[in-house]
């Protein structure tokens, strides 16, 4: 965007004025007729050109797309995992109580986030992606925001069941708009800017850009993701406590399975 603005300003405005006012005045002073001076001015070369110094250079469109693709793939993957865990919890309702299921989800989320982020970071490096802060930093931060995505998407499914996928899709759409992955956050309205501060993708995109393209670090973004994850875990635990014990659980408590002879 800045390159386009600089090109338009220097060529269309400054360059035109510099040639017309400078060259034409000089030719008229040399006692050249005004009509001939105007014709000569049009044939002169450009005197003003743009020179942009990038503070955080992005090498190619492929690297420019990395933050958006990491957020998009990360949240969609978290949604699908949470849906499968929800269905598995319903099938295991007669064997595990709701708190055991909640704890099992958390353990699976942690393990999956570490493994998935390792694969994603390895592919990024193997395909020539830009990594300004090194492999381990990108891996650790990616594991953090994917884990946050998992607990956020899991909350909607615990609270609403399979219908929670509708809220997950809405959350994904909102995050793509407000996170800065598709357009600069400076162009957003106050409402969407405020909404973005409540969603984890905003901090994921900011941290990824700092790690890949150079920046001031990811301490603030990591802290924000941890706080969002804690809130999502607490909200999920509250939703679990509010759910009534399911019929298979009551039946198993009333009629314990007989031991085999």
C-alpha atoms as a PDB file:
ATOM      1  CA  UNK A   1       0.000   0.000   0.000  1.00  0.00           C
ATOM      2  CA  UNK A   2       2.777   2.441   0.893  1.00  0.00           C
ATOM      3  CA  UNK A   3       4.549   1.605  -2.363  1.00  0.00           C
ATOM      4  CA  UNK A   4       1.430   2.507  -4.340  1.00  0.00           C
ATOM      5  CA  UNK A   5       0.964   5.743  -2.411  1.00  0.00           C
ATOM      6  CA  UNK A   6       4.602   6.734  -2.852  1.00  0.00           C
ATOM      7  CA  UNK A   7       4.460   6.026  -6.570  1.00  0.00           C
ATOM      8  CA  UNK A   8       1.302   8.084  -7.065  1.00  0.00           C
ATOM      9  CA  UNK A   9       2.563  11.018  -5.017  1.00  0.00           C
ATOM     10  CA  UNK A  10       6.030  11.266  -6.555  1.00  0.00           C
ATOM     11  CA  UNK A  11       5.079  10.622 -10.176  1.00  0.00           C
ATOM     12  CA  UNK A  12       1.615  12.107 -10.478  1.00  0.00           C
ATOM     13  CA  UNK A  13       2.044  15.165  -8.277  1.00  0.00           C
ATOM     14  CA  UNK A  14       5.567  16.115  -7.248  1.00  0.00           C
ATOM     15  CA  UNK A  15       7.236  14.994 -10.451  1.00  0.00           C
ATOM     16  CA  UNK A  16       4.726  16.853 -12.620  1.00  0.00           C
ATOM     17  CA  UNK A  17       5.049  20.052 -10.627  1.00  0.00           C
ATOM     18  CA  UNK A  18       8.848  19.883 -10.546  1.00  0.00           C
ATOM     19  CA  UNK A  19       9.085  19.556 -14.315  1.00  0.00           C
ATOM     20  CA  UNK A  20       6.497  22.169 -15.160  1.00  0.00           C
ATOM     21  CA  UNK A  21       7.642  24.817 -12.695  1.00  0.00           C
ATOM     22  CA  UNK A  22      11.381  24.185 -12.833  1.00  0.00           C
ATOM     23  CA  UNK A  23      12.103  23.317 -16.427  1.00  0.00           C
ATOM     24  CA  UNK A  24       9.548  25.632 -17.957  1.00  0.00           C
ATOM     25  CA  UNK A  25      10.771  28.632 -15.971  1.00  0.00           C
ATOM     26  CA  UNK A  26      14.340  27.906 -16.966  1.00  0.00           C
ATOM     27  CA  UNK A  27      13.469  27.678 -20.665  1.00  0.00           C
ATOM     28  CA  UNK A  28      11.453  30.881 -20.563  1.00  0.00           C
ATOM     29  CA  UNK A  29      14.360  32.659 -18.902  1.00  0.00           C
ATOM     30  CA  UNK A  30      16.477  31.580 -21.844  1.00  0.00           C
ATOM     31  CA  UNK A  31      14.044  33.542 -24.019  1.00  0.00           C
ATOM     32  CA  UNK A  32      12.479  30.439 -25.540  1.00  0.00           C
ATOM     33  CA  UNK A  33       8.869  31.019 -26.653  1.00  0.00           C
ATOM     34  CA  UNK A  34       6.339  29.746 -24.110  1.00  0.00           C
ATOM     35  CA  UNK A  35       4.725  27.326 -26.552  1.00  0.00           C
ATOM     36  CA  UNK A  36       8.072  25.743 -27.412  1.00  0.00           C
ATOM     37  CA  UNK A  37       8.989  25.636 -23.742  1.00  0.00           C
ATOM     38  CA  UNK A  38       5.792  23.698 -22.919  1.00  0.00           C
ATOM     39  CA  UNK A  39       6.530  21.166 -25.664  1.00  0.00           C
ATOM     40  CA  UNK A  40      10.087  20.715 -24.426  1.00  0.00           C
ATOM     41  CA  UNK A  41       8.909  20.178 -20.834  1.00  0.00           C
ATOM     42  CA  UNK A  42       6.701  17.238 -21.845  1.00  0.00           C
ATOM     43  CA  UNK A  43       9.688  15.416 -23.328  1.00  0.00           C
ATOM     44  CA  UNK A  44      11.902  15.764 -20.262  1.00  0.00           C
ATOM     45  CA  UNK A  45      12.613  12.714 -18.139  1.00  0.00           C
ATOM     46  CA  UNK A  46      11.332  12.287 -14.583  1.00  0.00           C
ATOM     47  CA  UNK A  47      13.187  14.224 -11.942  1.00  0.00           C
ATOM     48  CA  UNK A  48      11.584  12.687  -8.833  1.00  0.00           C
ATOM     49  CA  UNK A  49      11.516   8.948  -8.082  1.00  0.00           C
ATOM     50  CA  UNK A  50      10.432   6.959  -5.016  1.00  0.00           C
ATOM     51  CA  UNK A  51      12.834   5.048  -2.768  1.00  0.00           C
ATOM     52  CA  UNK A  52      11.125   2.964  -0.066  1.00  0.00           C
ATOM     53  CA  UNK A  53      13.123   1.621   2.895  1.00  0.00           C
ATOM     54  CA  UNK A  54      11.260  -1.348   4.430  1.00  0.00           C
ATOM     55  CA  UNK A  55      11.636  -1.754   8.197  1.00  0.00           C
ATOM     56  CA  UNK A  56      10.213  -5.312   8.116  1.00  0.00           C
ATOM     57  CA  UNK A  57      10.722  -6.757   4.672  1.00  0.00           C
ATOM     58  CA  UNK A  58       8.542  -9.671   3.547  1.00  0.00           C
ATOM     59  CA  UNK A  59      10.170 -11.832   0.900  1.00  0.00           C
ATOM     60  CA  UNK A  60       7.469 -12.740  -1.587  1.00  0.00           C
ATOM     61  CA  UNK A  61       3.720 -13.279  -1.560  1.00  0.00           C
ATOM     62  CA  UNK A  62       4.188 -16.795  -0.157  1.00  0.00           C
ATOM     63  CA  UNK A  63       5.582 -15.373   3.088  1.00  0.00           C
ATOM     64  CA  UNK A  64       2.932 -12.649   3.132  1.00  0.00           C
ATOM     65  CA  UNK A  65       0.239 -15.354   3.195  1.00  0.00           C
ATOM     66  CA  UNK A  66       1.807 -17.377   6.034  1.00  0.00           C
ATOM     67  CA  UNK A  67       0.117 -15.580   9.001  1.00  0.00           C
ATOM     68  CA  UNK A  68      -3.354 -15.931   7.498  1.00  0.00           C
ATOM     69  CA  UNK A  69      -2.846 -19.577   6.527  1.00  0.00           C
ATOM     70  CA  UNK A  70      -1.467 -20.504   9.959  1.00  0.00           C
ATOM     71  CA  UNK A  71      -4.454 -18.933  11.698  1.00  0.00           C
ATOM     72  CA  UNK A  72      -6.953 -20.379   9.222  1.00  0.00           C
ATOM     73  CA  UNK A  73      -5.524 -23.907   9.316  1.00  0.00           C
ATOM     74  CA  UNK A  74      -4.961 -23.738  13.076  1.00  0.00           C
ATOM     75  CA  UNK A  75      -8.525 -22.806  14.007  1.00  0.00           C
ATOM     76  CA  UNK A  76     -10.160 -25.116  11.470  1.00  0.00           C
ATOM     77  CA  UNK A  77      -8.038 -27.990  12.764  1.00  0.00           C
ATOM     78  CA  UNK A  78      -8.967 -27.077  16.347  1.00  0.00           C
ATOM     79  CA  UNK A  79     -12.653 -27.050  15.392  1.00  0.00           C
ATOM     80  CA  UNK A  80     -12.484 -30.498  13.812  1.00  0.00           C
ATOM     81  CA  UNK A  81     -10.538 -31.977  16.730  1.00  0.00           C
ATOM     82  CA  UNK A  82     -13.009 -30.513  19.225  1.00  0.00           C
ATOM     83  CA  UNK A  83     -15.925 -31.942  17.245  1.00  0.00           C
ATOM     84  CA  UNK A  84     -14.366 -35.408  17.200  1.00  0.00           C
ATOM     85  CA  UNK A  85     -13.640 -35.189  20.938  1.00  0.00           C
ATOM     86  CA  UNK A  86     -17.250 -34.144  21.565  1.00  0.00           C
ATOM     87  CA  UNK A  87     -18.532 -37.172  19.668  1.00  0.00           C
ATOM     88  CA  UNK A  88     -16.053 -39.443  21.476  1.00  0.00           C
ATOM     89  CA  UNK A  89     -17.194 -38.037  24.827  1.00  0.00           C
ATOM     90  CA  UNK A  90     -20.793 -38.909  24.005  1.00  0.00           C
ATOM     91  CA  UNK A  91     -19.756 -42.473  23.157  1.00  0.00           C
ATOM     92  CA  UNK A  92     -17.681 -42.813  26.343  1.00  0.00           C
ATOM     93  CA  UNK A  93     -20.339 -41.337  28.625  1.00  0.00           C
ATOM     94  CA  UNK A  94     -21.051 -44.744  30.181  1.00  0.00           C
ATOM     95  CA  UNK A  95     -17.388 -45.344  31.041  1.00  0.00           C
ATOM     96  CA  UNK A  96     -16.079 -41.915  32.057  1.00  0.00           C
ATOM     97  CA  UNK A  97     -17.750 -39.196  34.081  1.00  0.00           C
ATOM     98  CA  UNK A  98     -17.878 -35.648  32.771  1.00  0.00           C
ATOM     99  CA  UNK A  99     -14.820 -34.443  34.696  1.00  0.00           C
ATOM    100  CA  UNK A 100     -12.730 -37.356  33.471  1.00  0.00           C
ATOM    101  CA  UNK A 101     -13.818 -36.514  29.939  1.00  0.00           C
ATOM    102  CA  UNK A 102     -12.919 -32.851  30.464  1.00  0.00           C
ATOM    103  CA  UNK A 103      -9.470 -33.768  31.765  1.00  0.00           C
ATOM    104  CA  UNK A 104      -8.911 -36.190  28.873  1.00  0.00           C
ATOM    105  CA  UNK A 105      -9.792 -33.434  26.397  1.00  0.00           C
ATOM    106  CA  UNK A 106      -7.227 -31.137  27.982  1.00  0.00           C
ATOM    107  CA  UNK A 107      -4.458 -33.743  27.793  1.00  0.00           C
ATOM    108  CA  UNK A 108      -5.259 -34.517  24.154  1.00  0.00           C
ATOM    109  CA  UNK A 109      -5.279 -30.795  23.345  1.00  0.00           C
ATOM    110  CA  UNK A 110      -1.824 -30.275  24.847  1.00  0.00           C
ATOM    111  CA  UNK A 111      -0.275 -33.255  23.066  1.00  0.00           C
ATOM    112  CA  UNK A 112      -1.944 -32.420  19.749  1.00  0.00           C
ATOM    113  CA  UNK A 113      -0.858 -28.763  19.858  1.00  0.00           C
ATOM    114  CA  UNK A 114       2.801 -29.725  20.355  1.00  0.00           C
ATOM    115  CA  UNK A 115       2.775 -32.327  17.581  1.00  0.00           C
ATOM    116  CA  UNK A 116       0.762 -30.278  15.071  1.00  0.00           C
ATOM    117  CA  UNK A 117       2.847 -27.140  15.623  1.00  0.00           C
ATOM    118  CA  UNK A 118       6.045 -29.150  15.145  1.00  0.00           C
ATOM    119  CA  UNK A 119       4.778 -30.438  11.801  1.00  0.00           C
ATOM    120  CA  UNK A 120       3.594 -26.978  10.740  1.00  0.00           C
ATOM    121  CA  UNK A 121       6.863 -25.250  11.661  1.00  0.00           C
ATOM    122  CA  UNK A 122       8.895 -27.976   9.960  1.00  0.00           C
ATOM    123  CA  UNK A 123       6.900 -27.546   6.751  1.00  0.00           C
ATOM    124  CA  UNK A 124       7.326 -23.768   6.943  1.00  0.00           C
ATOM    125  CA  UNK A 125      11.106 -24.074   7.169  1.00  0.00           C
ATOM    126  CA  UNK A 126      11.341 -26.900   4.626  1.00  0.00           C
ATOM    127  CA  UNK A 127       9.378 -24.914   2.031  1.00  0.00           C
ATOM    128  CA  UNK A 128      11.654 -21.885   2.367  1.00  0.00           C
ATOM    129  CA  UNK A 129       9.504 -19.759   4.658  1.00  0.00           C
ATOM    130  CA  UNK A 130      10.902 -16.663   6.294  1.00  0.00           C
ATOM    131  CA  UNK A 131      11.894 -17.211   9.958  1.00  0.00           C
ATOM    132  CA  UNK A 132      13.445 -14.181  11.604  1.00  0.00           C
ATOM    133  CA  UNK A 133      13.613 -15.536  15.175  1.00  0.00           C
ATOM    134  CA  UNK A 134      14.522 -19.181  14.626  1.00  0.00           C
ATOM    135  CA  UNK A 135      12.792 -22.559  14.575  1.00  0.00           C
ATOM    136  CA  UNK A 136      12.240 -23.073  18.314  1.00  0.00           C
ATOM    137  CA  UNK A 137      10.631 -19.664  18.854  1.00  0.00           C
ATOM    138  CA  UNK A 138       8.170 -20.208  15.986  1.00  0.00           C
ATOM    139  CA  UNK A 139       7.392 -23.746  17.178  1.00  0.00           C
ATOM    140  CA  UNK A 140       6.732 -22.665  20.758  1.00  0.00           C
ATOM    141  CA  UNK A 141       4.516 -19.738  19.814  1.00  0.00           C
ATOM    142  CA  UNK A 142       2.567 -21.776  17.270  1.00  0.00           C
ATOM    143  CA  UNK A 143       1.957 -24.473  19.878  1.00  0.00           C
ATOM    144  CA  UNK A 144       0.639 -21.805  22.257  1.00  0.00           C
ATOM    145  CA  UNK A 145      -1.883 -20.219  19.917  1.00  0.00           C
ATOM    146  CA  UNK A 146      -3.057 -23.584  18.535  1.00  0.00           C
ATOM    147  CA  UNK A 147      -3.640 -24.785  22.103  1.00  0.00           C
ATOM    148  CA  UNK A 148      -5.621 -21.601  22.767  1.00  0.00           C
ATOM    149  CA  UNK A 149      -7.671 -22.217  19.620  1.00  0.00           C
ATOM    150  CA  UNK A 150      -8.441 -25.737  20.837  1.00  0.00           C
ATOM    151  CA  UNK A 151      -9.754 -24.649  24.221  1.00  0.00           C
ATOM    152  CA  UNK A 152     -11.797 -21.787  22.714  1.00  0.00           C
ATOM    153  CA  UNK A 153     -13.430 -24.001  20.079  1.00  0.00           C
ATOM    154  CA  UNK A 154     -13.936 -26.744  22.680  1.00  0.00           C
ATOM    155  CA  UNK A 155     -15.916 -24.403  24.939  1.00  0.00           C
ATOM    156  CA  UNK A 156     -18.669 -23.849  22.350  1.00  0.00           C
ATOM    157  CA  UNK A 157     -19.072 -27.595  21.840  1.00  0.00           C
ATOM    158  CA  UNK A 158     -19.221 -28.321  25.570  1.00  0.00           C
ATOM    159  CA  UNK A 159     -21.825 -25.608  26.039  1.00  0.00           C
ATOM    160  CA  UNK A 160     -24.014 -26.206  22.978  1.00  0.00           C
ATOM    161  CA  UNK A 161     -23.077 -29.715  21.839  1.00  0.00           C
ATOM    162  CA  UNK A 162     -22.617 -30.294  18.122  1.00  0.00           C
ATOM    163  CA  UNK A 163     -24.543 -27.061  17.461  1.00  0.00           C
ATOM    164  CA  UNK A 164     -21.511 -25.253  18.855  1.00  0.00           C
ATOM    165  CA  UNK A 165     -19.850 -25.687  15.454  1.00  0.00           C
ATOM    166  CA  UNK A 166     -22.064 -22.845  14.224  1.00  0.00           C
ATOM    167  CA  UNK A 167     -20.528 -20.531  16.820  1.00  0.00           C
ATOM    168  CA  UNK A 168     -17.071 -21.797  15.896  1.00  0.00           C
ATOM    169  CA  UNK A 169     -17.644 -20.926  12.246  1.00  0.00           C
ATOM    170  CA  UNK A 170     -18.838 -17.457  13.235  1.00  0.00           C
ATOM    171  CA  UNK A 171     -15.783 -17.026  15.464  1.00  0.00           C
ATOM    172  CA  UNK A 172     -13.479 -18.105  12.638  1.00  0.00           C
ATOM    173  CA  UNK A 173     -15.012 -15.577  10.253  1.00  0.00           C
ATOM    174  CA  UNK A 174     -14.734 -12.794  12.826  1.00  0.00           C
ATOM    175  CA  UNK A 175     -11.090 -13.640  13.497  1.00  0.00           C
ATOM    176  CA  UNK A 176     -10.142 -13.589   9.814  1.00  0.00           C
ATOM    177  CA  UNK A 177     -11.594 -10.080   9.515  1.00  0.00           C
ATOM    178  CA  UNK A 178     -10.318  -8.565  12.777  1.00  0.00           C
ATOM    179  CA  UNK A 179      -6.927 -10.240  13.273  1.00  0.00           C
ATOM    180  CA  UNK A 180      -4.997  -8.271  10.650  1.00  0.00           C
ATOM    181  CA  UNK A 181      -4.315 -11.369   8.578  1.00  0.00           C
ATOM    182  CA  UNK A 182      -6.389 -10.221   5.601  1.00  0.00           C
ATOM    183  CA  UNK A 183      -6.228  -6.422   6.008  1.00  0.00           C
ATOM    184  CA  UNK A 184      -4.365  -4.010   8.315  1.00  0.00           C
ATOM    185  CA  UNK A 185      -6.142  -3.478  11.619  1.00  0.00           C
ATOM    186  CA  UNK A 186      -5.700   0.270  11.175  1.00  0.00           C
ATOM    187  CA  UNK A 187      -8.339   0.126   8.426  1.00  0.00           C
ATOM    188  CA  UNK A 188     -10.968  -1.488  10.676  1.00  0.00           C
ATOM    189  CA  UNK A 189     -13.786   0.366  12.396  1.00  0.00           C
ATOM    190  CA  UNK A 190     -13.759   0.860  16.168  1.00  0.00           C
ATOM    191  CA  UNK A 191     -16.221  -2.000  16.651  1.00  0.00           C
ATOM    192  CA  UNK A 192     -14.157  -4.582  14.776  1.00  0.00           C
ATOM    193  CA  UNK A 193     -10.954  -3.254  16.328  1.00  0.00           C
ATOM    194  CA  UNK A 194     -12.401  -3.800  19.793  1.00  0.00           C
ATOM    195  CA  UNK A 195     -13.759  -7.215  18.833  1.00  0.00           C
ATOM    196  CA  UNK A 196     -10.338  -8.262  17.583  1.00  0.00           C
ATOM    197  CA  UNK A 197      -8.790  -7.533  20.984  1.00  0.00           C
ATOM    198  CA  UNK A 198     -11.039 -10.204  22.525  1.00  0.00           C
ATOM    199  CA  UNK A 199     -10.168 -12.941  20.017  1.00  0.00           C
ATOM    200  CA  UNK A 200      -6.965 -15.024  20.054  1.00  0.00           C
ATOM    201  CA  UNK A 201      -6.217 -14.793  16.324  1.00  0.00           C
ATOM    202  CA  UNK A 202      -5.290 -11.109  16.658  1.00  0.00           C
ATOM    203  CA  UNK A 203      -2.424 -11.908  19.010  1.00  0.00           C
ATOM    204  CA  UNK A 204      -1.486 -14.985  16.995  1.00  0.00           C
ATOM    205  CA  UNK A 205      -1.063 -12.899  13.825  1.00  0.00           C
ATOM    206  CA  UNK A 206       0.900 -10.171  15.606  1.00  0.00           C
ATOM    207  CA  UNK A 207       3.224 -12.728  17.178  1.00  0.00           C
ATOM    208  CA  UNK A 208       3.740 -14.628  13.934  1.00  0.00           C
ATOM    209  CA  UNK A 209       4.639 -11.426  12.093  1.00  0.00           C
ATOM    210  CA  UNK A 210       7.124 -10.471  14.807  1.00  0.00           C
ATOM    211  CA  UNK A 211       8.759 -13.899  14.670  1.00  0.00           C
ATOM    212  CA  UNK A 212       8.845 -14.272  10.897  1.00  0.00           C
ATOM    213  CA  UNK A 213       9.431 -10.727   9.684  1.00  0.00           C
ATOM    214  CA  UNK A 214      11.182  -9.105  12.648  1.00  0.00           C
ATOM    215  CA  UNK A 215       9.600  -7.221  15.525  1.00  0.00           C
ATOM    216  CA  UNK A 216       9.696  -6.360  19.205  1.00  0.00           C
ATOM    217  CA  UNK A 217       9.155  -9.914  20.468  1.00  0.00           C
ATOM    218  CA  UNK A 218       6.060 -11.900  21.400  1.00  0.00           C
ATOM    219  CA  UNK A 219       5.899 -11.449  25.180  1.00  0.00           C
ATOM    220  CA  UNK A 220       2.730  -9.361  25.142  1.00  0.00           C
ATOM    221  CA  UNK A 221       1.018 -11.562  22.564  1.00  0.00           C
ATOM    222  CA  UNK A 222       1.913 -14.746  24.467  1.00  0.00           C
ATOM    223  CA  UNK A 223       0.531 -13.298  27.710  1.00  0.00           C
ATOM    224  CA  UNK A 224      -2.720 -12.327  25.985  1.00  0.00           C
ATOM    225  CA  UNK A 225      -3.085 -15.836  24.536  1.00  0.00           C
ATOM    226  CA  UNK A 226      -2.488 -17.403  27.952  1.00  0.00           C
ATOM    227  CA  UNK A 227      -5.170 -15.192  29.521  1.00  0.00           C
ATOM    228  CA  UNK A 228      -7.674 -16.059  26.773  1.00  0.00           C
ATOM    229  CA  UNK A 229      -6.863 -19.758  27.205  1.00  0.00           C
ATOM    230  CA  UNK A 230      -7.390 -19.574  30.986  1.00  0.00           C
ATOM    231  CA  UNK A 231     -10.753 -17.882  30.481  1.00  0.00           C
ATOM    232  CA  UNK A 232     -11.756 -20.536  27.912  1.00  0.00           C
ATOM    233  CA  UNK A 233     -10.743 -23.371  30.271  1.00  0.00           C
ATOM    234  CA  UNK A 234     -12.630 -21.809  33.177  1.00  0.00           C
ATOM    235  CA  UNK A 235     -15.709 -21.239  31.012  1.00  0.00           C
ATOM    236  CA  UNK A 236     -15.516 -24.828  29.766  1.00  0.00           C
ATOM    237  CA  UNK A 237     -15.282 -26.147  33.336  1.00  0.00           C
ATOM    238  CA  UNK A 238     -18.287 -24.020  34.301  1.00  0.00           C
ATOM    239  CA  UNK A 239     -20.246 -25.406  31.350  1.00  0.00           C
ATOM    240  CA  UNK A 240     -19.340 -28.965  32.398  1.00  0.00           C
ATOM    241  CA  UNK A 241     -20.518 -28.333  35.955  1.00  0.00           C
ATOM    242  CA  UNK A 242     -23.821 -26.934  34.705  1.00  0.00           C
ATOM    243  CA  UNK A 243     -24.606 -29.956  32.523  1.00  0.00           C
ATOM    244  CA  UNK A 244     -26.831 -32.577  34.021  1.00  0.00           C
ATOM    245  CA  UNK A 245     -25.533 -36.109  34.390  1.00  0.00           C
ATOM    246  CA  UNK A 246     -26.511 -38.035  31.295  1.00  0.00           C
ATOM    247  CA  UNK A 247     -28.797 -41.037  31.321  1.00  0.00           C
ATOM    248  CA  UNK A 248     -26.066 -43.622  30.629  1.00  0.00           C
ATOM    249  CA  UNK A 249     -24.105 -42.328  33.615  1.00  0.00           C
ATOM    250  CA  UNK A 250     -27.133 -42.530  35.914  1.00  0.00           C
ATOM    251  CA  UNK A 251     -27.917 -46.018  34.692  1.00  0.00           C
ATOM    252  CA  UNK A 252     -24.376 -47.180  35.297  1.00  0.00           C
ATOM    253  CA  UNK A 253     -24.377 -45.720  38.828  1.00  0.00           C
ATOM    254  CA  UNK A 254     -27.695 -47.391  39.612  1.00  0.00           C
ATOM    255  CA  UNK A 255     -26.847 -50.746  37.972  1.00  0.00           C
ATOM    256  CA  UNK A 256     -23.115 -51.388  38.057  1.00  0.00           C
ATOM    257  CA  UNK A 257     -21.977 -53.924  35.523  1.00  0.00           C
ATOM    258  CA  UNK A 258     -21.760 -57.459  36.942  1.00  0.00           C
ATOM    259  CA  UNK A 259     -18.396 -59.145  37.156  1.00  0.00           C
ATOM    260  CA  UNK A 260     -17.768 -61.906  34.685  1.00  0.00           C
ATOM    261  CA  UNK A 261     -17.461 -65.414  36.028  1.00  0.00           C
END
